[in-house]
């Protein structure tokens, strides 16, 4: 145990940290003064008006002073100091203040991804040249994401961070630094990607918030002119869209809401059977077909499935693809009596979610 003992008032003692560093932003730091006597604070350079201190005097015991610096955007380090002096002048402590005017600023410091492939963009603004350095140790891995650049110069630029599909059950965590060429400034950016995080879809309700469709050529390259994307409000059942109900005993219903030619919102329910294979990550869905002798069968790939997001993709006809991104909008209380509803059957070769 460390004990500070002041045996009399004849010996003045003052203790305070001797150096404080600041970044380019305006910032206030609290510094503790430990003293057994009264004290005052004075700037060593009265012209350093970018530095302010409050309070500038106090009595004995433990006291905090607020030391504030103004914003500084020059590409160098400025410094000054102040002195804490005991009331009788027998004790002094000098505190050095340094502020680094270099800055590297990003629009986002934490990037979170679902387990599907995706690219996100951050904007980097700096008054110095910088290089990108990835952490690779027991806490962070660097091989699951890529960046569009590994260095930059003074000014503003966009930096793309891309992750591929994560088909494992584990999450990925990465960290990279944007470091100035002088070594005085570094800005961290964390990258996190979720794993599959499988969940039980029984008795859940999912609404589509984004629907994509495209065709490919015979080399499986996407034909850009065929790509379409639509966005919906998954929680609003009074607007066009789709809702998937996964009931017990592997039964379900798809709600299809569209405007009729008269402008009326019409809702049709399509009963289906389903089976989810957690090993292959395939969701098999079977509807009744217009032809009673044939069932309409969809074999979808589950790209993401967790407590809130459900994303599936399928090739409903050769070289014809669709992708549905859904949010969980509720749970099913199957004990309630269902009101009469209009039901329908699927046409052969049509998308799972027909526009």
Protein backbone atom coordinates (compact mmCIF):
# COMPACT_ATOMS: atom_id res chain seq x y z
CA UNK A 1 0.00 0.00 0.00
CA UNK A 2 1.32 3.43 -0.97
CA UNK A 3 0.74 6.21 1.54
CA UNK A 4 1.40 9.90 1.10
CA UNK A 5 2.18 11.53 4.41
CA UNK A 6 2.39 15.27 4.90
CA UNK A 7 3.95 15.76 8.30
CA UNK A 8 3.61 19.54 8.46
CA UNK A 9 2.62 22.60 6.50
CA UNK A 10 6.23 23.82 6.38
CA UNK A 11 7.00 21.66 3.33
CA UNK A 12 4.89 22.33 0.24
CA UNK A 13 4.23 19.40 -2.13
CA UNK A 14 2.55 19.40 -5.56
CA UNK A 15 2.09 16.45 -7.94
CA UNK A 16 0.69 16.48 -11.49
CA UNK A 17 1.36 14.66 -14.75
CA UNK A 18 4.28 16.22 -16.63
CA UNK A 19 3.14 15.83 -20.29
CA UNK A 20 -0.19 15.65 -22.15
CA UNK A 21 -0.71 14.89 -25.86
CA UNK A 22 -3.68 15.99 -27.96
CA UNK A 23 -4.98 15.19 -31.43
CA UNK A 24 -5.94 17.86 -33.98
CA UNK A 25 -9.52 18.20 -32.72
CA UNK A 26 -10.52 20.66 -30.02
CA UNK A 27 -10.43 18.67 -26.82
CA UNK A 28 -10.60 19.03 -23.05
CA UNK A 29 -8.74 16.77 -20.62
CA UNK A 30 -9.00 16.73 -16.85
CA UNK A 31 -5.69 16.70 -14.97
CA UNK A 32 -5.47 15.92 -11.27
CA UNK A 33 -3.41 18.14 -8.96
CA UNK A 34 -2.44 16.59 -5.65
CA UNK A 35 -1.19 19.20 -3.18
CA UNK A 36 -0.89 19.89 0.53
CA UNK A 37 -0.97 23.64 -0.06
CA UNK A 38 -2.59 26.34 -2.12
CA UNK A 39 -1.49 26.63 -5.77
CA UNK A 40 -1.80 28.72 -8.93
CA UNK A 41 -1.46 27.93 -12.64
CA UNK A 42 0.29 30.19 -15.15
CA UNK A 43 1.08 29.76 -18.82
CA UNK A 44 4.77 29.76 -19.66
CA UNK A 45 3.93 31.45 -22.96
CA UNK A 46 1.17 34.02 -22.56
CA UNK A 47 0.73 34.22 -26.34
CA UNK A 48 -0.43 30.57 -26.54
CA UNK A 49 -4.08 31.57 -26.76
CA UNK A 50 -5.00 28.16 -28.19
CA UNK A 51 -4.58 26.75 -24.68
CA UNK A 52 -7.02 27.43 -21.84
CA UNK A 53 -6.99 26.20 -18.23
CA UNK A 54 -9.70 26.28 -15.58
CA UNK A 55 -9.51 26.85 -12.67
CA UNK A 56 -6.14 28.57 -12.37
CA UNK A 57 -5.92 28.40 -8.58
CA UNK A 58 -6.95 26.13 -5.75
CA UNK A 59 -6.38 24.97 -2.23
CA UNK A 60 -4.78 21.82 -0.90
CA UNK A 61 -6.13 18.31 -1.48
CA UNK A 62 -6.95 16.55 -4.76
CA UNK A 63 -8.29 18.95 -7.42
CA UNK A 64 -8.99 18.55 -11.17
CA UNK A 65 -8.23 21.26 -13.70
CA UNK A 66 -9.70 21.32 -17.23
CA UNK A 67 -7.02 21.82 -19.90
CA UNK A 68 -8.49 22.64 -23.34
CA UNK A 69 -6.84 23.06 -26.74
CA UNK A 70 -8.39 24.58 -29.86
CA UNK A 71 -8.60 22.70 -33.16
CA UNK A 72 -5.28 22.60 -35.02
CA UNK A 73 -5.10 21.55 -38.69
CA UNK A 74 -1.46 22.21 -39.58
CA UNK A 75 0.63 19.23 -40.62
CA UNK A 76 3.03 19.41 -37.66
CA UNK A 77 3.15 19.39 -33.87
CA UNK A 78 2.79 22.52 -31.75
CA UNK A 79 3.71 22.66 -28.08
CA UNK A 80 3.62 24.91 -25.05
CA UNK A 81 3.66 24.46 -21.28
CA UNK A 82 2.25 25.75 -18.04
CA UNK A 83 3.50 25.72 -14.47
CA UNK A 84 1.73 24.93 -11.22
CA UNK A 85 3.27 26.92 -8.34
CA UNK A 86 2.65 26.52 -4.62
CA UNK A 87 1.25 29.50 -2.71
CA UNK A 88 4.61 30.21 -1.01
CA UNK A 89 6.61 29.48 -4.15
CA UNK A 90 8.52 26.60 -2.64
CA UNK A 91 7.25 23.96 -5.09
CA UNK A 92 6.64 24.05 -8.86
CA UNK A 93 5.55 21.52 -11.48
CA UNK A 94 5.88 22.07 -15.23
CA UNK A 95 3.39 20.45 -17.62
CA UNK A 96 4.19 20.19 -21.33
CA UNK A 97 1.28 20.29 -23.82
CA UNK A 98 1.75 18.87 -27.34
CA UNK A 99 -0.88 18.88 -30.09
CA UNK A 100 -0.45 16.96 -33.32
CA UNK A 101 -2.06 18.83 -36.22
CA UNK A 102 -1.92 15.81 -38.55
CA UNK A 103 -5.29 14.17 -39.03
CA UNK A 104 -6.78 11.18 -40.82
CA UNK A 105 -10.55 11.13 -40.49
CA UNK A 106 -13.03 8.52 -41.67
CA UNK A 107 -16.82 8.65 -41.96
CA UNK A 108 -17.17 5.29 -40.15
CA UNK A 109 -14.84 3.55 -37.70
CA UNK A 110 -16.88 0.34 -37.39
CA UNK A 111 -18.18 -1.61 -40.41
CA UNK A 112 -20.63 -4.47 -39.81
CA UNK A 113 -21.56 -7.00 -42.51
CA UNK A 114 -23.99 -9.88 -42.70
CA UNK A 115 -22.57 -13.20 -43.88
CA UNK A 116 -23.26 -12.51 -47.57
CA UNK A 117 -20.75 -10.85 -49.91
CA UNK A 118 -20.95 -7.06 -49.77
CA UNK A 119 -18.95 -3.88 -50.32
CA UNK A 120 -19.15 -0.79 -48.11
CA UNK A 121 -17.53 2.59 -48.74
CA UNK A 122 -16.03 5.02 -46.25
CA UNK A 123 -14.63 8.47 -46.98
CA UNK A 124 -11.11 9.29 -45.83
CA UNK A 125 -10.10 12.93 -45.31
CA UNK A 126 -6.53 13.80 -44.31
CA UNK A 127 -3.92 16.54 -44.36
CA UNK A 128 -1.11 14.01 -44.67
CA UNK A 129 -0.12 10.98 -46.73
CA UNK A 130 -1.16 7.65 -45.23
CA UNK A 131 -0.76 3.90 -45.62
CA UNK A 132 -3.16 1.11 -44.67
CA UNK A 133 -1.93 -1.57 -42.29
CA UNK A 134 -3.97 -4.66 -41.35
CA UNK A 135 -3.82 -6.29 -37.94
CA UNK A 136 -3.25 -10.05 -38.08
CA UNK A 137 -3.00 -11.74 -34.69
CA UNK A 138 -4.98 -13.91 -32.27
CA UNK A 139 -7.69 -11.24 -31.94
CA UNK A 140 -8.01 -10.04 -35.55
CA UNK A 141 -7.75 -11.73 -38.93
CA UNK A 142 -6.97 -9.97 -42.20
CA UNK A 143 -7.78 -12.55 -44.88
CA UNK A 144 -11.59 -12.25 -44.93
CA UNK A 145 -11.80 -8.70 -46.30
CA UNK A 146 -10.09 -6.61 -48.96
CA UNK A 147 -9.66 -2.86 -49.46
CA UNK A 148 -9.66 -0.88 -52.68
CA UNK A 149 -6.45 0.97 -51.73
CA UNK A 150 -3.48 0.50 -49.41
CA UNK A 151 -2.34 4.13 -49.33
CA UNK A 152 -3.58 7.65 -49.90
CA UNK A 153 -2.45 11.26 -50.05
CA UNK A 154 -3.57 14.65 -48.76
CA UNK A 155 -7.26 15.34 -49.49
CA UNK A 156 -10.46 13.29 -49.62
CA UNK A 157 -10.98 9.88 -51.19
CA UNK A 158 -13.32 6.89 -51.01
CA UNK A 159 -12.10 3.58 -49.61
CA UNK A 160 -14.07 0.39 -50.43
CA UNK A 161 -14.06 -2.54 -48.02
CA UNK A 162 -15.30 -5.84 -49.47
CA UNK A 163 -16.13 -9.15 -47.80
CA UNK A 164 -17.01 -12.45 -49.56
CA UNK A 165 -19.72 -14.88 -48.47
CA UNK A 166 -19.07 -16.31 -45.00
CA UNK A 167 -20.43 -19.85 -45.09
CA UNK A 168 -19.05 -20.73 -41.65
CA UNK A 169 -20.96 -20.43 -38.38
CA UNK A 170 -18.29 -18.20 -36.83
CA UNK A 171 -18.01 -14.42 -36.95
CA UNK A 172 -15.01 -12.68 -38.49
CA UNK A 173 -13.34 -9.69 -36.83
CA UNK A 174 -10.74 -7.48 -38.47
CA UNK A 175 -8.91 -4.25 -37.74
CA UNK A 176 -6.87 -1.98 -39.96
CA UNK A 177 -5.06 1.29 -39.35
CA UNK A 178 -4.59 4.33 -41.55
CA UNK A 179 -1.17 5.59 -40.54
CA UNK A 180 0.52 8.87 -41.47
CA UNK A 181 3.92 8.72 -43.15
CA UNK A 182 5.43 10.55 -40.15
CA UNK A 183 4.12 7.89 -37.78
CA UNK A 184 2.51 10.50 -35.52
CA UNK A 185 -1.10 9.80 -36.51
CA UNK A 186 -3.09 6.59 -36.90
CA UNK A 187 -6.83 5.99 -37.26
CA UNK A 188 -8.41 2.56 -36.60
CA UNK A 189 -11.27 0.95 -38.57
CA UNK A 190 -12.91 -2.27 -37.36
CA UNK A 191 -14.49 -4.78 -39.75
CA UNK A 192 -16.98 -7.38 -38.51
CA UNK A 193 -18.78 -10.03 -40.54
CA UNK A 194 -21.40 -12.36 -39.09
CA UNK A 195 -21.47 -16.09 -39.67
CA UNK A 196 -24.58 -18.00 -40.66
CA UNK A 197 -25.88 -18.07 -37.07
CA UNK A 198 -28.62 -20.54 -37.96
CA UNK A 199 -32.00 -20.06 -36.32
CA UNK A 200 -35.26 -21.99 -36.29
CA UNK A 201 -37.72 -20.60 -38.85
CA UNK A 202 -40.72 -22.53 -37.53
CA UNK A 203 -43.61 -20.27 -36.39
CA UNK A 204 -41.92 -17.14 -37.75
CA UNK A 205 -43.06 -14.45 -40.21
CA UNK A 206 -40.69 -12.75 -42.67
CA UNK A 207 -41.30 -9.75 -44.91
CA UNK A 208 -39.28 -8.92 -48.01
CA UNK A 209 -37.39 -5.60 -47.88
CA UNK A 210 -35.33 -6.06 -51.06
CA UNK A 211 -35.96 -8.22 -54.13
CA UNK A 212 -33.42 -8.71 -56.96
CA UNK A 213 -33.71 -10.54 -60.27
CA UNK A 214 -31.28 -11.16 -63.14
CA UNK A 215 -30.36 -13.47 -66.02
CA UNK A 216 -26.99 -14.98 -66.92
CA UNK A 217 -25.42 -16.03 -70.17
CA UNK A 218 -24.21 -19.56 -70.89
CA UNK A 219 -20.94 -18.76 -69.09
CA UNK A 220 -22.96 -17.74 -65.99
CA UNK A 221 -22.01 -14.09 -66.34
CA UNK A 222 -24.72 -11.68 -65.20
CA UNK A 223 -26.41 -9.81 -68.04
CA UNK A 224 -26.40 -6.29 -66.63
CA UNK A 225 -29.38 -5.14 -68.68
CA UNK A 226 -31.56 -7.80 -67.03
CA UNK A 227 -30.75 -6.88 -63.44
CA UNK A 228 -33.60 -5.30 -61.47
CA UNK A 229 -33.95 -4.45 -57.77
CA UNK A 230 -37.02 -3.37 -55.78
CA UNK A 231 -37.34 -2.30 -52.16
CA UNK A 232 -40.36 -2.76 -49.88
CA UNK A 233 -41.55 -2.01 -46.37
CA UNK A 234 -41.64 -5.50 -44.82
CA UNK A 235 -43.80 -4.43 -41.87
CA UNK A 236 -46.54 -2.64 -43.83
CA UNK A 237 -49.17 -5.18 -44.88
CA UNK A 238 -51.22 -2.49 -46.63
CA UNK A 239 -48.69 -1.98 -49.41
CA UNK A 240 -47.49 -4.26 -52.23
CA UNK A 241 -44.98 -6.93 -51.24
CA UNK A 242 -44.54 -10.47 -49.99
CA UNK A 243 -44.68 -12.12 -46.59
CA UNK A 244 -43.59 -15.68 -45.79
CA UNK A 245 -45.32 -17.59 -42.97
CA UNK A 246 -43.48 -20.72 -41.79
CA UNK A 247 -46.03 -22.75 -39.82
CA UNK A 248 -45.50 -25.88 -37.79
CA UNK A 249 -45.31 -29.38 -39.31
CA UNK A 250 -43.38 -28.01 -42.34
CA UNK A 251 -46.37 -26.15 -43.74
CA UNK A 252 -46.39 -22.48 -44.73
CA UNK A 253 -48.07 -19.71 -46.68
CA UNK A 254 -46.78 -17.01 -48.98
CA UNK A 255 -48.76 -13.75 -48.98
CA UNK A 256 -48.61 -11.95 -52.33
CA UNK A 257 -49.95 -8.35 -52.29
CA UNK A 258 -50.47 -6.50 -55.58
CA UNK A 259 -52.60 -3.72 -57.01
CA UNK A 260 -55.33 -4.88 -59.36
CA UNK A 261 -56.18 -3.15 -62.63
CA UNK A 262 -58.80 -1.13 -60.71
CA UNK A 263 -56.20 0.08 -58.20
CA UNK A 264 -57.37 -2.16 -55.37
CA UNK A 265 -54.75 -3.90 -53.21
CA UNK A 266 -55.37 -7.64 -53.59
CA UNK A 267 -53.82 -10.24 -51.29
CA UNK A 268 -53.51 -13.89 -52.30
CA UNK A 269 -52.13 -16.68 -50.09
CA UNK A 270 -50.18 -19.57 -51.62
CA UNK A 271 -49.92 -22.63 -49.33
CA UNK A 272 -46.63 -24.54 -49.45
CA UNK A 273 -44.63 -27.30 -47.77
CA UNK A 274 -41.05 -26.59 -46.76
CA UNK A 275 -37.94 -28.35 -45.52
CA UNK A 276 -34.74 -26.65 -44.41
CA UNK A 277 -31.46 -28.57 -44.63
CA UNK A 278 -29.02 -26.95 -42.19
CA UNK A 279 -26.11 -28.98 -43.60
CA UNK A 280 -26.42 -27.94 -47.26
CA UNK A 281 -28.13 -24.63 -46.35
CA UNK A 282 -30.92 -25.29 -48.83
CA UNK A 283 -34.57 -24.40 -48.27
CA UNK A 284 -36.90 -26.64 -50.30
CA UNK A 285 -40.35 -25.15 -50.96
CA UNK A 286 -43.17 -26.96 -52.74
CA UNK A 287 -46.38 -25.25 -53.95
CA UNK A 288 -49.49 -26.64 -55.57
CA UNK A 289 -49.38 -26.12 -59.33
CA UNK A 290 -52.27 -25.08 -61.60
CA UNK A 291 -51.96 -28.63 -62.88
CA UNK A 292 -53.16 -30.77 -59.93
CA UNK A 293 -50.91 -33.60 -61.09
CA UNK A 294 -47.73 -31.51 -60.74
CA UNK A 295 -46.19 -29.64 -57.83
CA UNK A 296 -44.13 -26.46 -58.27
CA UNK A 297 -40.79 -27.01 -56.56
CA UNK A 298 -38.14 -24.44 -55.56
CA UNK A 299 -34.68 -25.30 -54.24
CA UNK A 300 -33.27 -22.10 -52.72
CA UNK A 301 -29.83 -21.38 -51.30
CA UNK A 302 -29.94 -19.79 -47.85
CA UNK A 303 -27.32 -17.03 -47.86
CA UNK A 304 -28.15 -15.54 -44.46
CA UNK A 305 -30.30 -16.80 -41.62
CA UNK A 306 -30.20 -15.27 -38.15
CA UNK A 307 -32.64 -13.84 -35.62
CA UNK A 308 -33.52 -10.86 -37.79
CA UNK A 309 -32.38 -11.41 -41.41
CA UNK A 310 -33.27 -14.21 -43.85
CA UNK A 311 -31.81 -14.08 -47.40
CA UNK A 312 -32.46 -16.74 -50.05
CA UNK A 313 -31.49 -17.10 -53.71
CA UNK A 314 -32.66 -19.54 -56.36
CA UNK A 315 -32.45 -20.32 -60.06
CA UNK A 316 -36.15 -20.71 -60.85
CA UNK A 317 -35.45 -21.42 -64.51
CA UNK A 318 -32.17 -22.11 -66.28
CA UNK A 319 -30.11 -18.87 -66.23
CA UNK A 320 -32.96 -17.01 -64.46
CA UNK A 321 -32.15 -15.99 -60.87
CA UNK A 322 -33.87 -14.20 -58.00
CA UNK A 323 -32.74 -13.12 -54.54
CA UNK A 324 -35.06 -12.17 -51.67
CA UNK A 325 -33.83 -10.34 -48.56
CA UNK A 326 -36.30 -10.61 -45.67
CA UNK A 327 -36.63 -9.22 -42.15
CA UNK A 328 -38.40 -10.99 -39.31
CA UNK A 329 -41.68 -9.19 -38.70
CA UNK A 330 -43.27 -11.45 -36.09
CA UNK A 331 -44.22 -14.86 -34.82
CA UNK A 332 -47.24 -17.04 -35.58
CA UNK A 333 -49.89 -17.83 -33.02
CA UNK A 334 -51.42 -20.86 -34.71
CA UNK A 335 -54.05 -21.32 -32.01
CA UNK A 336 -55.95 -18.30 -33.39
CA UNK A 337 -58.73 -18.92 -35.88
CA UNK A 338 -57.73 -17.78 -39.35
CA UNK A 339 -60.14 -15.52 -41.18
CA UNK A 340 -61.30 -16.57 -44.68
CA UNK A 341 -58.63 -15.81 -47.26
CA UNK A 342 -58.14 -16.01 -50.99
CA UNK A 343 -55.70 -18.75 -51.98
CA UNK A 344 -53.98 -19.50 -55.27
CA UNK A 345 -51.68 -21.95 -57.06
CA UNK A 346 -48.34 -21.35 -58.80
CA UNK A 347 -47.67 -21.41 -62.52
CA UNK A 348 -44.88 -23.59 -63.80
CA UNK A 349 -41.50 -21.92 -64.39
CA UNK A 350 -42.41 -18.66 -62.68
CA UNK A 351 -40.29 -16.94 -60.00
CA UNK A 352 -40.90 -17.77 -56.38
CA UNK A 353 -41.80 -14.10 -55.95
CA UNK A 354 -43.67 -13.10 -59.08
CA UNK A 355 -43.78 -9.37 -59.85
